[in-house]
Protein backbone atom coordinates (compact mmCIF):
# COMPACT_ATOMS: atom_id res chain seq x y z
CA MET A 1 0.00 0.00 0.00
CA ALA A 2 1.32 3.45 -0.90
CA ARG A 3 2.72 5.44 2.00
CA ASN A 4 0.71 8.44 0.88
CA ARG A 5 -1.98 8.80 -1.76
CA PHE A 6 -2.82 11.83 -3.84
CA ASP A 7 -5.45 12.83 -1.27
CA VAL A 8 -3.25 12.37 1.80
CA ASP A 9 -0.94 15.15 3.01
CA GLU A 10 2.69 14.26 3.40
CA LYS A 11 4.06 14.24 6.93
CA PHE A 12 7.39 15.87 7.62
CA GLU A 13 9.36 17.02 10.63
CA SER A 14 8.97 20.60 11.81
CA TYR A 15 10.95 23.26 10.01
CA ASN A 16 14.63 22.65 10.45
CA ILE A 17 17.14 25.42 9.79
CA GLY A 18 19.66 22.63 9.35
CA HIS A 19 18.23 22.09 5.88
CA LEU A 20 19.38 25.59 4.94
CA ARG A 21 22.86 24.93 6.32
CA ARG A 22 22.97 21.69 4.38
CA SER A 23 22.07 23.51 1.17
CA MET A 24 25.19 25.65 1.59
CA VAL A 25 27.10 22.96 -0.31
CA TYR A 26 25.42 24.24 -3.47
CA ILE A 27 26.06 27.89 -2.57
CA ARG A 28 29.74 27.46 -1.71
CA ARG A 29 30.41 26.26 -5.25
CA HIS A 30 29.54 29.79 -6.45
CA ALA A 31 30.73 31.79 -3.43
CA LYS A 32 33.20 33.88 -5.46
CA ILE A 33 30.58 35.04 -7.95
CA MET A 34 28.08 35.72 -5.16
CA ILE A 35 30.58 37.86 -3.24
CA ILE A 36 31.35 39.86 -6.40
CA SER A 37 27.60 40.27 -6.98
CA LEU A 38 27.18 41.49 -3.41
CA ILE A 39 29.92 44.09 -3.96
CA PHE A 40 28.18 45.23 -7.15
CA SER A 41 24.93 45.52 -5.17
CA ALA A 42 26.59 47.54 -2.40
CA ILE A 43 28.06 49.98 -4.94
CA ALA A 44 24.63 50.38 -6.57
CA VAL A 45 23.05 51.05 -3.17
CA ILE A 46 25.62 53.68 -2.20
CA CYS A 47 25.18 55.42 -5.56
CA SER A 48 21.42 55.56 -5.07
CA LEU A 49 21.73 56.89 -1.49
CA ILE A 50 24.01 59.77 -2.46
CA THR A 51 21.40 61.27 -4.79
CA PRO A 52 19.04 62.48 -1.99
CA LYS A 53 21.99 64.28 -0.41
CA ILE A 54 22.58 66.09 -3.69
CA VAL A 55 18.89 67.02 -3.92
CA GLY A 56 18.89 68.32 -0.33
CA TYR A 57 22.02 70.40 -0.95
CA ALA A 58 20.50 71.82 -4.12
CA VAL A 59 17.27 72.73 -2.30
CA ASP A 60 19.05 74.44 0.59
CA ASN A 61 21.95 76.09 -1.24
CA THR A 62 22.16 75.92 -5.05
CA ILE A 63 18.58 76.90 -5.87
CA PRO A 64 18.32 79.78 -3.31
CA ASN A 65 21.68 81.13 -4.57
CA LYS A 66 20.50 80.75 -8.20
CA ASP A 67 23.82 79.09 -9.08
CA VAL A 68 22.92 77.62 -12.48
CA ALA A 69 26.40 76.23 -13.17
CA GLN A 70 26.44 74.37 -9.87
CA LEU A 71 22.89 73.08 -10.52
CA PHE A 72 23.98 71.59 -13.85
CA LEU A 73 27.05 70.11 -12.15
CA LEU A 74 24.87 68.49 -9.46
CA ALA A 75 22.47 67.21 -12.14
CA GLY A 76 25.41 65.68 -13.98
CA CYS A 77 26.63 64.01 -10.80
CA MET A 78 23.16 62.58 -10.24
CA ALA A 79 23.04 61.27 -13.81
CA VAL A 80 26.40 59.55 -13.34
CA LEU A 81 25.27 58.02 -10.03
CA ILE A 82 22.01 56.79 -11.57
CA ALA A 83 23.94 55.31 -14.50
CA LEU A 84 26.35 53.56 -12.13
CA ASN A 85 23.40 52.26 -10.10
CA ILE A 86 21.83 50.79 -13.24
CA LEU A 87 25.13 49.36 -14.50
CA PHE A 88 26.10 47.58 -11.28
CA SER A 89 22.51 46.34 -10.76
CA LEU A 90 22.53 44.81 -14.25
CA LEU A 91 25.94 43.20 -13.70
CA ARG A 92 24.72 41.74 -10.44
CA SER A 93 21.48 40.44 -11.99
CA LYS A 94 23.36 38.78 -14.86
CA GLN A 95 25.70 36.95 -12.48
CA MET A 96 22.90 35.82 -10.18
CA ILE A 97 20.82 34.43 -13.04
CA LYS A 98 23.80 32.23 -13.91
CA VAL A 99 24.23 31.16 -10.31
CA GLY A 100 20.53 30.42 -9.88
CA GLN A 101 20.41 28.22 -12.97
CA GLN A 102 23.59 26.42 -11.97
CA ILE A 103 22.08 25.65 -8.56
CA VAL A 104 18.97 24.28 -10.31
CA TYR A 105 21.23 22.14 -12.48
CA ASP A 106 23.27 20.83 -9.54
CA ILE A 107 20.27 19.94 -7.34
CA ARG A 108 18.35 18.29 -10.18
CA LYS A 109 21.43 16.33 -11.18
CA ASP A 110 21.91 15.02 -7.62
CA LEU A 111 18.19 14.24 -7.29
CA PHE A 112 17.98 12.40 -10.60
CA GLN A 113 21.11 10.35 -9.95
CA HIS A 114 19.76 9.32 -6.55
CA LEU A 115 16.31 8.48 -7.93
CA GLN A 116 17.96 6.22 -10.52
CA LYS A 117 19.46 4.16 -7.68
CA LEU A 118 16.38 3.85 -5.50
CA PRO A 119 14.80 0.38 -5.44
CA PHE A 120 11.47 -0.65 -6.90
CA GLN A 121 9.96 -0.48 -3.42
CA TYR A 122 10.37 3.31 -3.31
CA TYR A 123 8.29 3.75 -6.46
CA ASP A 124 5.80 1.12 -5.35
CA ASP A 125 5.04 3.16 -2.23
CA ARG A 126 4.56 6.68 -3.64
CA PRO A 127 2.41 8.55 -6.16
CA HIS A 128 4.80 9.40 -8.98
CA GLY A 129 3.36 12.90 -9.27
CA LYS A 130 4.65 13.72 -5.78
CA ILE A 131 8.12 12.63 -6.83
CA LEU A 132 7.98 14.68 -10.03
CA VAL A 133 6.85 17.88 -8.30
CA ARG A 134 9.97 17.79 -6.13
CA ILE A 135 12.32 17.64 -9.10
CA ILE A 136 10.57 20.40 -11.06
CA ASN A 137 8.58 22.82 -8.89
CA TYR A 138 10.43 22.63 -5.61
CA VAL A 139 13.91 22.88 -7.12
CA ASN A 140 12.89 25.93 -9.15
CA ASN A 141 11.64 27.69 -6.02
CA VAL A 142 14.65 26.72 -3.93
CA SER A 143 17.19 27.93 -6.50
CA ASP A 144 15.89 31.51 -6.45
CA MET A 145 16.15 31.70 -2.66
CA LEU A 146 19.59 30.10 -2.55
CA SER A 147 20.94 32.55 -5.12
CA ASN A 148 19.06 35.86 -5.29
CA GLY A 149 17.37 35.42 -1.92
CA ILE A 150 20.58 35.17 0.07
CA ILE A 151 22.21 38.02 -1.85
CA ASN A 152 19.08 40.14 -1.41
CA PHE A 153 18.99 39.40 2.30
CA PHE A 154 22.52 40.72 2.83
CA LEU A 155 21.83 43.54 0.40
CA GLU A 156 18.77 44.65 2.35
CA ILE A 157 20.77 44.49 5.60
CA PHE A 158 23.39 46.71 3.94
CA ASN A 159 20.60 48.94 2.69
CA ILE A 160 19.25 49.43 6.20
CA ILE A 161 22.72 50.08 7.63
CA PHE A 162 23.62 52.54 4.86
CA ILE A 163 20.26 54.32 5.03
CA VAL A 164 20.36 54.64 8.81
CA GLY A 165 23.94 55.89 8.54
CA PHE A 166 23.00 58.52 5.96
CA MET A 167 19.97 59.48 8.10
CA PHE A 168 22.07 59.98 11.25
CA SER A 169 24.54 62.03 9.22
CA THR A 170 21.62 64.24 8.15
CA HIS A 171 19.67 64.66 11.43
CA VAL A 172 19.96 62.48 14.54
CA GLN A 173 16.69 63.39 16.27
CA LEU A 174 14.51 62.88 13.18
CA THR A 175 16.23 59.54 12.59
CA LEU A 176 15.22 58.36 16.06
CA VAL A 177 11.60 59.34 15.33
CA VAL A 178 11.61 57.21 12.17
CA LEU A 179 13.25 54.25 13.94
CA ALA A 180 10.61 54.30 16.69
CA GLY A 181 8.28 52.33 14.42
CA VAL A 182 10.70 49.40 13.99
CA PRO A 183 9.96 47.70 17.38
CA VAL A 184 6.22 47.88 16.64
CA LEU A 185 6.77 46.08 13.34
CA GLY A 186 9.00 43.54 15.09
CA ILE A 187 6.19 42.57 17.49
CA ILE A 188 3.77 42.15 14.57
CA LEU A 189 6.25 39.91 12.71
CA ILE A 190 6.77 37.72 15.79
CA ILE A 191 2.99 37.21 16.00
CA GLN A 192 2.37 36.66 12.28
CA LYS A 193 5.30 34.54 11.11
CA PRO A 194 4.37 31.22 12.81
CA ARG A 195 0.90 31.47 11.26
CA GLN A 196 2.42 32.17 7.85
CA ARG A 197 4.77 29.23 8.24
CA ARG A 198 1.90 26.81 8.92
CA ALA A 199 -0.15 28.29 6.08
CA TRP A 200 2.58 27.86 3.46
CA ARG A 201 3.25 24.31 4.59
CA ALA A 202 -0.43 23.59 3.92
CA VAL A 203 -0.04 25.13 0.45
CA ASN A 204 2.89 22.82 -0.31
CA ASN A 205 0.90 19.76 0.75
CA LYS A 206 -2.23 20.65 -1.22
CA SER A 207 -0.19 21.53 -4.31
CA SER A 208 1.66 18.22 -4.07
CA ASN A 209 -1.64 16.31 -3.79
CA MET A 210 -3.09 18.09 -6.82
CA ASN A 211 0.01 17.42 -8.94
CA ALA A 212 0.03 13.76 -7.94
CA TYR A 213 -3.57 13.28 -9.07
CA PHE A 214 -2.99 15.29 -12.24
CA GLN A 215 -0.07 13.06 -13.24
CA GLU A 216 -2.03 9.91 -12.42
CA SER A 217 -4.97 11.15 -14.49
CA ILE A 218 -2.77 11.80 -17.52
CA ASP A 219 -1.33 8.27 -17.32
CA GLY A 220 -4.82 6.80 -16.97
CA THR A 221 -6.62 8.89 -19.62
CA LYS A 222 -7.46 5.92 -21.81
CA ILE A 223 -8.93 3.97 -18.89
CA THR A 224 -10.85 7.05 -17.78
CA GLN A 225 -12.47 7.47 -21.18
CA SER A 226 -13.07 3.74 -21.55
CA PHE A 227 -15.13 3.68 -18.38
CA THR A 228 -16.59 7.20 -18.85
CA ARG A 229 -15.13 8.37 -15.55
CA GLN A 230 -14.58 11.95 -16.71
CA GLU A 231 -17.24 13.52 -14.51
CA GLU A 232 -16.24 11.59 -11.41
CA ASN A 233 -12.56 12.39 -11.94
CA ALA A 234 -13.43 16.04 -12.52
CA LYS A 235 -15.14 16.08 -9.12
CA ILE A 236 -12.06 14.59 -7.45
CA PHE A 237 -9.80 17.12 -9.14
CA GLU A 238 -12.21 19.93 -8.27
CA LYS A 239 -11.94 18.93 -4.61
CA LEU A 240 -8.14 18.86 -4.72
CA ASN A 241 -7.98 22.08 -6.74
CA SER A 242 -10.33 23.84 -4.36
CA ALA A 243 -8.30 22.71 -1.35
CA ASN A 244 -5.18 24.07 -3.02
CA LYS A 245 -6.89 27.36 -3.87
CA LYS A 246 -8.21 27.73 -0.33
CA ALA A 247 -4.76 27.08 1.14
CA VAL A 248 -3.12 29.59 -1.23
CA MET A 249 -5.72 32.25 -0.48
CA HIS A 250 -5.28 31.78 3.28
CA ALA A 251 -1.48 31.90 3.08
CA SER A 252 -1.54 34.91 0.75
CA MET A 253 -3.91 36.77 3.05
CA LEU A 254 -1.61 36.20 6.03
CA SER A 255 1.44 37.22 3.99
CA ASN A 256 -0.22 40.39 2.74
CA THR A 257 -0.99 41.58 6.25
CA VAL A 258 2.69 42.35 6.84
CA PRO A 259 3.04 44.81 3.90
CA TRP A 260 -0.20 46.44 5.09
CA PHE A 261 1.27 46.98 8.55
CA VAL A 262 4.54 48.21 7.05
CA ASP A 263 2.74 50.73 4.85
CA ASN A 264 0.67 52.10 7.70
CA ILE A 265 3.49 52.21 10.23
CA SER A 266 5.76 53.92 7.71
CA VAL A 267 3.12 56.56 6.92
CA ILE A 268 2.58 57.27 10.63
CA VAL A 269 6.26 57.57 11.55
CA ILE A 270 7.08 59.66 8.47
CA ALA A 271 4.18 62.00 9.28
CA LEU A 272 5.51 62.27 12.84
CA MET A 273 8.96 62.96 11.46
CA TYR A 274 7.66 65.82 9.32
CA LEU A 275 5.72 67.25 12.28
CA THR A 276 8.78 66.96 14.50
CA GLY A 277 10.95 68.58 11.84
CA ILE A 278 8.58 71.49 11.42
CA ALA A 279 8.33 72.00 15.19
CA TRP A 280 12.06 71.64 15.78
CA THR A 281 13.60 75.02 16.54
CA SER A 282 17.13 74.49 17.84
CA PRO A 283 18.69 74.30 15.39
CA ALA A 284 15.94 74.82 12.84
CA VAL A 285 15.36 72.01 10.34
CA THR A 286 15.70 73.26 6.79
CA PHE A 287 13.38 72.29 3.97
CA GLY A 288 16.27 70.48 2.28
CA VAL A 289 16.85 68.36 5.38
CA LEU A 290 13.16 67.40 5.45
CA VAL A 291 13.33 66.44 1.77
CA VAL A 292 16.40 64.28 2.37
CA MET A 293 15.00 62.69 5.55
CA GLY A 294 11.67 62.02 3.86
CA ASP A 295 13.43 60.25 1.00
CA TYR A 296 15.53 58.14 3.37
CA ALA A 297 12.53 57.36 5.60
CA TRP A 298 10.57 55.96 2.67
CA ARG A 299 13.63 54.02 1.54
CA LEU A 300 14.16 52.55 5.03
CA TRP A 301 10.86 50.72 5.14
CA GLN A 302 11.26 49.11 1.73
CA PRO A 303 14.24 46.90 2.73
CA ILE A 304 12.42 46.07 6.00
CA LEU A 305 9.42 44.95 3.93
CA ASN A 306 11.75 43.07 1.56
CA ILE A 307 13.38 41.25 4.47
CA SER A 308 9.92 40.31 5.70
CA ASN A 309 9.07 38.92 2.26
CA LEU A 310 12.42 37.13 2.13
CA TYR A 311 11.53 35.55 5.45
CA ASN A 312 8.36 34.20 3.84
CA GLN A 313 10.43 32.86 0.94
CA LEU A 314 12.85 31.32 3.42
CA ILE A 315 9.99 29.51 5.15
CA ASN A 316 8.79 28.15 1.81
CA THR A 317 12.34 27.24 0.89
CA LEU A 318 12.74 25.26 4.11
CA ALA A 319 9.56 23.37 3.26
CA TYR A 320 10.85 22.63 -0.25
CA LEU A 321 14.27 21.67 1.09
CA GLU A 322 12.59 19.26 3.51
CA ARG A 323 11.04 17.43 0.60
CA ILE A 324 14.15 17.59 -1.59
CA PHE A 325 16.48 16.31 1.11
CA GLU A 326 13.91 13.74 2.23
CA THR A 327 14.19 12.31 -1.29
CA MET A 328 17.99 12.53 -1.32
CA ASP A 329 18.12 10.85 2.09
CA GLU A 330 15.89 7.99 1.04
CA PRO A 331 18.13 4.98 1.62
CA VAL A 332 19.27 2.99 -1.38
CA THR A 333 18.37 -0.29 0.26
CA VAL A 334 19.23 -2.37 -2.80
CA ASP A 335 22.83 -1.38 -3.44
CA ASP A 336 26.35 -2.76 -3.61
CA LEU A 337 27.42 -3.91 -0.17
CA PRO A 338 30.80 -2.78 1.20
CA GLY A 339 33.44 -4.94 -0.40
CA ALA A 340 31.11 -6.17 -3.18
CA THR A 341 33.00 -7.95 -5.95
CA GLU A 342 32.45 -8.22 -9.69
CA MET A 343 30.25 -11.13 -10.75
CA LYS A 344 32.29 -13.62 -12.74
CA PRO A 345 31.02 -14.64 -16.20
CA ILE A 346 27.76 -16.40 -15.43
CA GLU A 347 27.28 -20.05 -16.31
CA GLY A 348 23.66 -20.10 -15.16
CA ASN A 349 23.31 -22.25 -12.03
CA VAL A 350 20.70 -20.66 -9.75
CA GLN A 351 19.83 -21.67 -6.20
CA PHE A 352 17.23 -20.40 -3.72
CA LYS A 353 18.28 -21.39 -0.20
CA ASP A 354 15.57 -21.11 2.46
CA VAL A 355 14.32 -17.85 0.91
CA THR A 356 11.69 -15.80 2.71
CA PHE A 357 10.44 -12.51 1.30
CA SER A 358 7.92 -9.82 2.25
CA TYR A 359 7.18 -6.50 0.51
CA ASP A 360 5.82 -4.74 3.56
CA GLY A 361 7.64 -6.54 6.35
CA GLU A 362 4.40 -8.03 7.62
CA VAL A 363 2.94 -10.52 5.13
CA ASN A 364 5.36 -13.01 3.55
CA VAL A 365 4.96 -13.70 -0.15
CA LEU A 366 7.51 -16.54 -0.01
CA GLU A 367 8.51 -18.62 3.00
CA HIS A 368 11.53 -20.95 3.31
CA MET A 369 11.60 -21.60 -0.42
CA ASN A 370 14.31 -23.82 -1.92
CA LEU A 371 15.09 -24.21 -5.61
CA ASP A 372 18.03 -25.63 -7.56
CA VAL A 373 18.30 -24.81 -11.27
CA LYS A 374 21.15 -26.11 -13.40
CA ALA A 375 22.82 -24.01 -16.08
CA GLY A 376 20.95 -24.09 -19.38
CA GLN A 377 17.63 -25.23 -17.92
CA SER A 378 14.40 -23.51 -18.85
CA ILE A 379 12.11 -22.98 -15.87
CA ALA A 380 8.46 -21.99 -16.16
CA LEU A 381 6.52 -20.49 -13.28
CA VAL A 382 2.75 -20.88 -13.15
CA GLY A 383 0.11 -20.48 -10.51
CA PRO A 384 -2.66 -18.17 -9.31
CA THR A 385 -2.38 -14.39 -9.49
CA GLY A 386 -0.41 -12.92 -6.60
CA ALA A 387 1.21 -16.23 -5.67
CA GLY A 388 4.76 -14.85 -6.08
CA LYS A 389 5.82 -15.76 -9.63
CA THR A 390 7.00 -12.26 -10.51
CA THR A 391 8.50 -11.94 -7.05
CA ILE A 392 10.75 -14.95 -7.70
CA VAL A 393 12.19 -13.53 -10.93
CA ASN A 394 12.60 -10.11 -9.29
CA LEU A 395 14.66 -11.71 -6.54
CA ILE A 396 16.96 -13.39 -9.07
CA SER A 397 17.67 -9.92 -10.48
CA ARG A 398 18.00 -8.57 -6.92
CA PHE A 399 15.43 -5.83 -7.40
CA TYR A 400 14.49 -6.37 -3.74
CA ASN A 401 16.42 -7.49 -0.69
CA LEU A 402 15.50 -10.82 0.85
CA THR A 403 13.76 -11.01 4.19
CA GLY A 404 15.64 -14.23 4.87
CA GLY A 405 17.71 -16.87 3.10
CA GLU A 406 20.01 -16.57 0.12
CA VAL A 407 19.93 -16.55 -3.69
CA ASP A 408 23.07 -17.91 -5.36
CA ILE A 409 24.22 -17.85 -8.96
CA ASP A 410 27.03 -20.28 -9.75
CA GLY A 411 27.54 -20.70 -6.01
CA THR A 412 27.94 -16.97 -5.35
CA ASP A 413 25.50 -15.10 -3.13
CA ILE A 414 24.17 -12.36 -5.43
CA SER A 415 24.02 -9.90 -2.52
CA THR A 416 27.84 -9.94 -2.39
CA VAL A 417 28.42 -8.84 -6.00
CA THR A 418 27.90 -5.48 -7.69
CA LEU A 419 24.47 -4.90 -9.20
CA HIS A 420 25.96 -3.78 -12.52
CA SER A 421 28.07 -6.92 -12.94
CA LEU A 422 25.03 -9.06 -12.07
CA ARG A 423 22.33 -7.41 -14.15
CA SER A 424 24.57 -6.73 -17.15
CA GLN A 425 24.72 -10.49 -17.72
CA MET A 426 20.96 -10.92 -17.48
CA GLY A 427 18.15 -10.23 -19.90
CA ILE A 428 15.03 -9.11 -18.06
CA MET A 429 11.65 -8.52 -19.63
CA LEU A 430 9.11 -7.36 -17.09
CA GLN A 431 5.33 -7.28 -17.41
CA ASP A 432 5.34 -3.59 -18.29
CA SER A 433 6.64 -3.36 -21.87
CA PHE A 434 7.69 0.26 -21.45
CA ILE A 435 8.53 2.16 -24.62
CA PHE A 436 10.56 5.38 -24.45
CA SER A 437 10.03 8.37 -26.71
CA GLY A 438 12.40 8.20 -29.68
CA THR A 439 12.86 5.76 -32.55
CA ILE A 440 12.14 2.05 -32.53
CA LEU A 441 15.86 1.52 -33.02
CA ASP A 442 16.62 3.62 -29.92
CA ASN A 443 14.24 1.51 -27.87
CA ILE A 444 15.74 -1.79 -28.98
CA ARG A 445 19.32 -0.56 -28.46
CA TYR A 446 18.41 0.63 -24.96
CA SER A 447 19.84 -2.59 -23.52
CA LYS A 448 23.03 -2.48 -25.64
CA LEU A 449 23.99 0.96 -26.93
CA ASP A 450 26.84 -0.30 -29.11
CA ALA A 451 24.76 -2.97 -30.87
CA THR A 452 25.23 -3.10 -34.63
CA MET A 453 22.32 -2.87 -37.01
CA GLU A 454 22.86 -6.50 -37.89
CA GLU A 455 22.53 -7.50 -34.24
CA VAL A 456 19.36 -5.45 -33.88
CA LYS A 457 17.75 -7.02 -36.94
CA LYS A 458 18.75 -10.50 -35.77
CA ALA A 459 17.10 -9.94 -32.38
CA CYS A 460 13.95 -8.60 -34.08
CA HIS A 461 13.86 -11.59 -36.43
CA ILE A 462 14.07 -14.03 -33.50
CA VAL A 463 11.02 -12.47 -31.82
CA CYS A 464 9.13 -11.91 -35.11
CA ALA A 465 9.18 -8.11 -34.74
CA ASP A 466 11.09 -7.41 -37.98
CA GLU A 467 8.07 -7.79 -40.23
CA PHE A 468 5.85 -5.11 -38.70
CA ILE A 469 8.82 -2.77 -38.09
CA GLU A 470 9.92 -2.84 -41.72
CA GLU A 471 6.35 -2.12 -42.84
CA MET A 472 6.30 1.17 -40.87
CA GLU A 473 6.94 4.45 -42.71
CA ASP A 474 10.54 4.85 -41.53
CA GLY A 475 11.26 1.28 -40.50
CA TYR A 476 13.58 1.10 -37.54
CA ASN A 477 13.86 4.90 -37.51
CA THR A 478 10.12 5.36 -37.01
CA GLN A 479 9.45 7.78 -34.17
CA VAL A 480 7.31 6.53 -31.30
CA GLN A 481 5.95 8.47 -28.35
CA GLU A 482 6.35 7.81 -24.65
CA LYS A 483 4.79 4.45 -23.71
CA GLY A 484 4.51 3.63 -27.42
CA SER A 485 1.14 5.23 -28.04
CA ARG A 486 1.44 4.60 -31.81
CA LEU A 487 2.01 0.89 -31.28
CA SER A 488 -0.34 -1.90 -30.33
CA GLN A 489 0.23 -3.65 -27.02
CA GLY A 490 1.51 -6.70 -28.90
CA GLN A 491 3.96 -4.59 -30.93
CA ARG A 492 5.25 -2.91 -27.78
CA GLN A 493 5.78 -6.32 -26.24
CA LEU A 494 7.72 -7.59 -29.25
CA ILE A 495 9.98 -4.52 -29.21
CA ALA A 496 10.60 -5.03 -25.50
CA PHE A 497 11.29 -8.69 -26.23
CA ALA A 498 13.85 -7.76 -28.90
CA ARG A 499 15.45 -5.30 -26.49
CA THR A 500 15.91 -8.14 -23.97
CA ILE A 501 17.23 -10.65 -26.49
CA LEU A 502 19.70 -8.13 -27.96
CA ARG A 503 21.86 -8.32 -24.84
CA ASP A 504 22.48 -12.05 -25.44
CA PRO A 505 22.17 -12.74 -21.71
CA ARG A 506 23.39 -15.78 -19.80
CA ILE A 507 20.21 -15.75 -17.71
CA LEU A 508 16.97 -14.82 -19.44
CA ILE A 509 13.92 -13.71 -17.47
CA LEU A 510 10.61 -13.38 -19.29
CA ASP A 511 7.66 -12.17 -17.23
CA GLU A 512 4.49 -12.59 -19.31
CA ALA A 513 6.58 -11.90 -22.41
CA THR A 514 3.89 -13.09 -24.83
CA SER A 515 0.71 -12.14 -22.97
CA SER A 516 -0.34 -9.52 -25.56
CA ILE A 517 0.94 -11.27 -28.67
CA ASP A 518 -1.61 -12.85 -31.00
CA VAL A 519 -1.72 -16.62 -31.28
CA LYS A 520 -0.36 -16.67 -34.85
CA THR A 521 2.68 -14.56 -33.95
CA GLU A 522 3.17 -16.58 -30.77
CA LYS A 523 3.40 -19.81 -32.73
CA GLN A 524 5.98 -18.23 -35.03
CA LEU A 525 7.81 -16.93 -31.99
CA GLN A 526 8.03 -20.34 -30.35
CA GLU A 527 10.58 -21.71 -32.82
CA GLY A 528 12.85 -18.67 -32.52
CA LEU A 529 12.45 -18.65 -28.76
CA GLN A 530 13.39 -22.31 -28.41
CA ASN A 531 16.59 -21.65 -30.33
CA MET A 532 17.24 -18.63 -28.15
CA LEU A 533 16.81 -20.59 -24.92
CA LYS A 534 19.40 -23.20 -25.86
CA GLY A 535 22.54 -22.94 -23.77
CA ARG A 536 21.20 -20.33 -21.37
CA THR A 537 19.24 -20.49 -18.12
CA SER A 538 15.77 -19.06 -18.47
CA PHE A 539 12.86 -18.28 -16.17
CA ILE A 540 9.52 -17.80 -17.86
CA VAL A 541 6.36 -16.54 -16.21
CA ALA A 542 3.50 -17.30 -18.57
CA HIS A 543 -0.27 -17.04 -18.48
CA ARG A 544 -0.68 -19.16 -21.59
CA LEU A 545 0.42 -22.64 -20.59
CA SER A 546 0.87 -23.63 -24.23
CA THR A 547 3.98 -21.43 -24.35
CA ILE A 548 5.80 -23.35 -21.62
CA ARG A 549 5.07 -26.98 -22.48
CA ASN A 550 8.61 -27.54 -23.71
CA CYS A 551 10.31 -26.08 -20.65
CA ASP A 552 12.64 -28.42 -18.78
CA ARG A 553 10.78 -27.82 -15.53
CA ILE A 554 7.50 -26.22 -14.57
CA LEU A 555 7.00 -24.84 -11.06
CA TYR A 556 3.52 -24.37 -9.65
CA ILE A 557 3.79 -21.44 -7.24
CA SER A 558 1.23 -21.00 -4.50
CA ASP A 559 0.89 -20.80 -0.71
CA LYS A 560 4.25 -18.98 -0.34
CA GLY A 561 6.31 -21.57 -2.16
CA ILE A 562 6.63 -24.32 -4.77
CA LEU A 563 3.77 -26.81 -4.54
CA GLU A 564 4.59 -28.83 -7.67
CA SER A 565 7.68 -29.25 -9.82
CA GLY A 566 8.33 -31.28 -12.96
CA SER A 567 8.06 -31.38 -16.72
CA HIS A 568 4.73 -30.89 -18.46
CA ASP A 569 4.25 -34.63 -18.92
CA GLU A 570 5.24 -35.42 -15.34
CA LEU A 571 2.85 -32.88 -13.88
CA MET A 572 0.02 -33.95 -16.13
CA ALA A 573 0.58 -37.54 -15.00
CA LYS A 574 0.31 -36.43 -11.35
CA LYS A 575 -3.12 -34.95 -12.04
CA GLY A 576 -2.54 -32.34 -9.39
CA LEU A 577 -2.76 -28.55 -9.37
CA TYR A 578 -0.97 -28.02 -12.70
CA TYR A 579 -3.13 -30.68 -14.33
CA LYS A 580 -6.31 -28.89 -13.21
CA LEU A 581 -4.96 -25.50 -14.31
CA TYR A 582 -3.98 -26.84 -17.73
CA LEU A 583 -7.31 -28.54 -18.30
CA SER A 584 -9.31 -25.49 -17.23
CA GLN A 585 -7.33 -23.29 -19.60
CA THR A 586 -7.66 -25.78 -22.43
CA ASP A 587 -11.43 -25.92 -21.90
CA GLU A 588 -11.63 -22.11 -21.95
CA GLU A 589 -9.63 -21.90 -25.18
CA ALA A 590 -11.81 -24.60 -26.74
CA LYS A 591 -14.97 -22.74 -25.79
CA ALA A 592 -13.56 -19.49 -27.14
CA ALA A 593 -12.62 -21.17 -30.41
CA GLY A 594 -16.00 -22.90 -30.71
């Protein structure tokens, strides 16, 4: 059962500033550029703060003295300062865009590489949409905070320091009046920020749920239309969408209260400053000083507001980092053990020694199972649905770790060798005949990138795929979409079959390899398949019992183990479980044909 569905909020630990410290590894890679950008920002700030001083001087001195030459000189100085402000701001922005995108690249690269290593169990337990939203949405949001956000935070701190410094240099008493509003805003922020934090966490959860269902709906569109579930699905999405909208509206409302308080507090304190300035008599406050102080006062509250907004972004970033690092920290439970060795060239002897296995740690699918397969033998696995047939072949490939016991190949415990050296000598065709976007040739070569065209055509001929491929408009270079939407299920299965055969594996695993292939093609395939199986160990899970009659041994899997074992003739002579299964299927096929 999935750990969380599309309609269940994810559960995470409370916000941890340690996530931000951990993310510094991505920032330190670009520390030099970020420091240079910060210097550019500081220069731009200083240039912008000098201009009010020039205006104040002009108001108090140049204009009253009607000194036109000096006025033009001051105007020129202002133009140069404005130009420098624009120049250094642009240089800073250009550098930070590069840094932001590089951080996106680095985080996505690390995430993708880790996701490639995670075992099947991880994907069995989670909606894929919730995985995807972390790689795309969350990384995008995090990158901006880790690049521009951090620079902007220090920049706004510098802004406040510079502005306050320029204010004190202009008039100390009026500066104190303006700063009197800062403690009031601090109290409001202390009250509001925890509520904002909880609200934005809710937004992240609802957005994740909506994306998970959206991705699931896209994958299941054909089923949805087949069963006319559009209206019902629309209601489910409407519920998720509404929950997301409600969460966003609530979080936005809380976030917007802070700018409202900032605006009102700033208006009040600036009005008080003007009143104080007008009433101040010793020494008298000039009009130029009021102009300068008014400019600085308005400027002071903007970086305070920006820092408040950056705090909101930081809270969101911590939520995103939680999810990103939660994915990165997901243990690779199926991995090379310390000291793992390379698997020697496989001969094909396979042994299950007292194997017990459970997917969830509670209910065992297999218990104390023993099996001895000699090199070159073909083994068929039959039995009721859910009995553990696919589980057995997955354990041979070590897609899951055993709960107990041991699986050996040529006398070597497969848990002691590297996964690459093990799986590179195996050909595995799972039930899902997945087709990637690209050409048919690309899909077949997926298992062996350096395969020659001759090898590809040979593999396709063996599985009877060459005929329909060559009839397509561009043959092997025909473009197919993700999941092979242009191909029939049978054609997708044949391409997947060819992809498996192309590797020329020592151990061949076929899980329902012919389930979607028509009877005529299957009969043609049997001859090629029999030739292919010669000299290699093979495990075949088949629904159609006619496809496995010639296997060396047939295993009837049920009740957490092997209940019957033998050739087709031996099992039919026993008149046991296999006998009944074969007769029931034969009767069904006869009825269908009649």
